[in-house]
Amino acid sequence: MMYGWLWRRLPGPAPVRVVILALAAVAVLAVCFQWVFPAVAPYMPFSDTTVGE
């Protein structure tokens, strides 16, 4: 449902829409890797190691 709404709201023919969606996906991934994941990493249990204790 959300993807259909997004597809209908984008301007231009289908190839232009695909390019816009690809750029948007790259932008979202860049924001996640630059700011979201580093901010959440200290709260994740993956860095709690028990080896060597």
N, C-alpha and C. Protein backbone atom coordinates (compact mmCIF):
# COMPACT_ATOMS: atom_id res chain seq x y z
N MET A 1 0.82 -1.19 0.00
CA MET A 1 0.00 0.00 0.00
C MET A 1 0.87 1.26 0.00
N MET A 2 1.91 1.28 0.84
CA MET A 2 2.78 2.45 0.90
C MET A 2 3.55 2.60 -0.41
N TYR A 3 4.01 1.50 -0.99
CA TYR A 3 4.80 1.59 -2.21
C TYR A 3 3.95 2.08 -3.37
N GLY A 4 2.71 1.67 -3.43
CA GLY A 4 1.80 2.17 -4.46
C GLY A 4 1.55 3.65 -4.31
N TRP A 5 1.37 4.11 -3.10
CA TRP A 5 1.17 5.54 -2.84
C TRP A 5 2.40 6.33 -3.28
N LEU A 6 3.58 5.83 -2.92
CA LEU A 6 4.81 6.50 -3.27
C LEU A 6 5.00 6.52 -4.79
N TRP A 7 4.73 5.42 -5.44
CA TRP A 7 4.89 5.33 -6.89
C TRP A 7 3.95 6.31 -7.61
N ARG A 8 2.74 6.45 -7.14
CA ARG A 8 1.79 7.36 -7.77
C ARG A 8 2.15 8.82 -7.52
N ARG A 9 2.83 9.14 -6.44
CA ARG A 9 3.16 10.52 -6.11
C ARG A 9 4.41 11.03 -6.82
N LEU A 10 5.27 10.12 -7.28
CA LEU A 10 6.50 10.55 -7.94
C LEU A 10 6.20 11.08 -9.34
N PRO A 11 6.94 12.13 -9.75
CA PRO A 11 6.71 12.71 -11.08
C PRO A 11 7.44 11.92 -12.16
N GLY A 12 7.00 12.09 -13.38
CA GLY A 12 7.70 11.55 -14.54
C GLY A 12 7.28 10.14 -14.92
N PRO A 13 7.86 9.66 -16.01
CA PRO A 13 7.58 8.29 -16.46
C PRO A 13 8.29 7.27 -15.57
N ALA A 14 8.04 6.01 -15.83
CA ALA A 14 8.56 4.93 -14.98
C ALA A 14 10.08 4.95 -14.83
N PRO A 15 10.87 5.15 -15.90
CA PRO A 15 12.34 5.15 -15.68
C PRO A 15 12.80 6.28 -14.75
N VAL A 16 12.16 7.42 -14.83
CA VAL A 16 12.52 8.53 -13.94
C VAL A 16 12.14 8.19 -12.50
N ARG A 17 11.01 7.56 -12.33
CA ARG A 17 10.58 7.15 -10.98
C ARG A 17 11.55 6.15 -10.38
N VAL A 18 12.03 5.22 -11.20
CA VAL A 18 12.99 4.23 -10.71
C VAL A 18 14.27 4.90 -10.25
N VAL A 19 14.75 5.87 -11.01
CA VAL A 19 15.97 6.60 -10.63
C VAL A 19 15.74 7.37 -9.34
N ILE A 20 14.61 8.03 -9.21
CA ILE A 20 14.30 8.78 -7.99
C ILE A 20 14.25 7.85 -6.79
N LEU A 21 13.60 6.70 -6.95
CA LEU A 21 13.52 5.75 -5.83
C LEU A 21 14.88 5.18 -5.47
N ALA A 22 15.72 4.93 -6.47
CA ALA A 22 17.07 4.43 -6.19
C ALA A 22 17.89 5.47 -5.43
N LEU A 23 17.80 6.73 -5.84
CA LEU A 23 18.52 7.79 -5.13
C LEU A 23 17.99 7.96 -3.71
N ALA A 24 16.69 7.84 -3.53
CA ALA A 24 16.11 7.95 -2.19
C ALA A 24 16.58 6.79 -1.31
N ALA A 25 16.66 5.59 -1.86
CA ALA A 25 17.12 4.44 -1.09
C ALA A 25 18.58 4.61 -0.68
N VAL A 26 19.41 5.12 -1.59
CA VAL A 26 20.82 5.36 -1.26
C VAL A 26 20.93 6.43 -0.18
N ALA A 27 20.10 7.46 -0.26
CA ALA A 27 20.13 8.52 0.75
C ALA A 27 19.73 7.99 2.12
N VAL A 28 18.70 7.15 2.17
CA VAL A 28 18.26 6.57 3.45
C VAL A 28 19.35 5.68 4.04
N LEU A 29 19.98 4.87 3.21
CA LEU A 29 21.07 4.02 3.70
C LEU A 29 22.25 4.85 4.20
N ALA A 30 22.57 5.92 3.50
CA ALA A 30 23.68 6.77 3.94
C ALA A 30 23.38 7.41 5.28
N VAL A 31 22.17 7.88 5.48
CA VAL A 31 21.79 8.48 6.77
C VAL A 31 21.86 7.43 7.87
N CYS A 32 21.39 6.22 7.58
CA CYS A 32 21.44 5.16 8.60
C CYS A 32 22.87 4.84 9.00
N PHE A 33 23.76 4.68 8.00
CA PHE A 33 25.14 4.32 8.32
C PHE A 33 25.93 5.47 8.94
N GLN A 34 25.59 6.70 8.63
CA GLN A 34 26.32 7.84 9.16
C GLN A 34 25.88 8.23 10.57
N TRP A 35 24.58 8.20 10.84
CA TRP A 35 24.09 8.74 12.11
C TRP A 35 23.26 7.75 12.94
N VAL A 36 22.39 6.99 12.33
CA VAL A 36 21.47 6.15 13.11
C VAL A 36 22.21 4.96 13.73
N PHE A 37 22.91 4.18 12.91
CA PHE A 37 23.58 2.99 13.44
C PHE A 37 24.64 3.32 14.49
N PRO A 38 25.49 4.33 14.28
CA PRO A 38 26.46 4.66 15.34
C PRO A 38 25.79 5.13 16.63
N ALA A 39 24.64 5.78 16.53
CA ALA A 39 23.96 6.24 17.75
C ALA A 39 23.34 5.08 18.52
N VAL A 40 22.93 4.04 17.82
CA VAL A 40 22.26 2.90 18.45
C VAL A 40 23.26 1.84 18.90
N ALA A 41 24.44 1.80 18.31
CA ALA A 41 25.42 0.74 18.58
C ALA A 41 25.76 0.55 20.06
N PRO A 42 25.93 1.59 20.87
CA PRO A 42 26.27 1.35 22.28
C PRO A 42 25.17 0.62 23.05
N TYR A 43 23.97 0.65 22.58
CA TYR A 43 22.85 0.01 23.28
C TYR A 43 22.60 -1.42 22.83
N MET A 44 23.34 -1.88 21.83
CA MET A 44 23.14 -3.23 21.32
C MET A 44 23.99 -4.22 22.11
N PRO A 45 23.50 -5.43 22.30
CA PRO A 45 24.25 -6.40 23.11
C PRO A 45 25.39 -7.08 22.38
N PHE A 46 25.66 -6.74 21.12
CA PHE A 46 26.68 -7.43 20.35
C PHE A 46 28.09 -7.14 20.85
N SER A 47 28.29 -6.03 21.52
CA SER A 47 29.63 -5.70 21.99
C SER A 47 29.92 -6.28 23.37
N ASP A 48 28.97 -6.95 23.96
CA ASP A 48 29.19 -7.60 25.26
C ASP A 48 29.83 -8.97 25.02
N THR A 49 31.14 -9.03 25.20
CA THR A 49 31.84 -10.30 24.95
C THR A 49 32.13 -11.00 26.28
N THR A 50 32.19 -12.31 26.23
CA THR A 50 32.52 -13.10 27.43
C THR A 50 33.80 -13.88 27.23
N VAL A 51 34.39 -13.79 26.06
CA VAL A 51 35.63 -14.51 25.80
C VAL A 51 36.78 -13.80 26.52
N GLY A 52 37.60 -14.56 27.21
CA GLY A 52 38.75 -14.00 27.89
C GLY A 52 38.48 -13.61 29.33
N GLU A 53 37.30 -13.88 29.82
CA GLU A 53 37.02 -13.55 31.24
C GLU A 53 37.29 -14.72 32.13
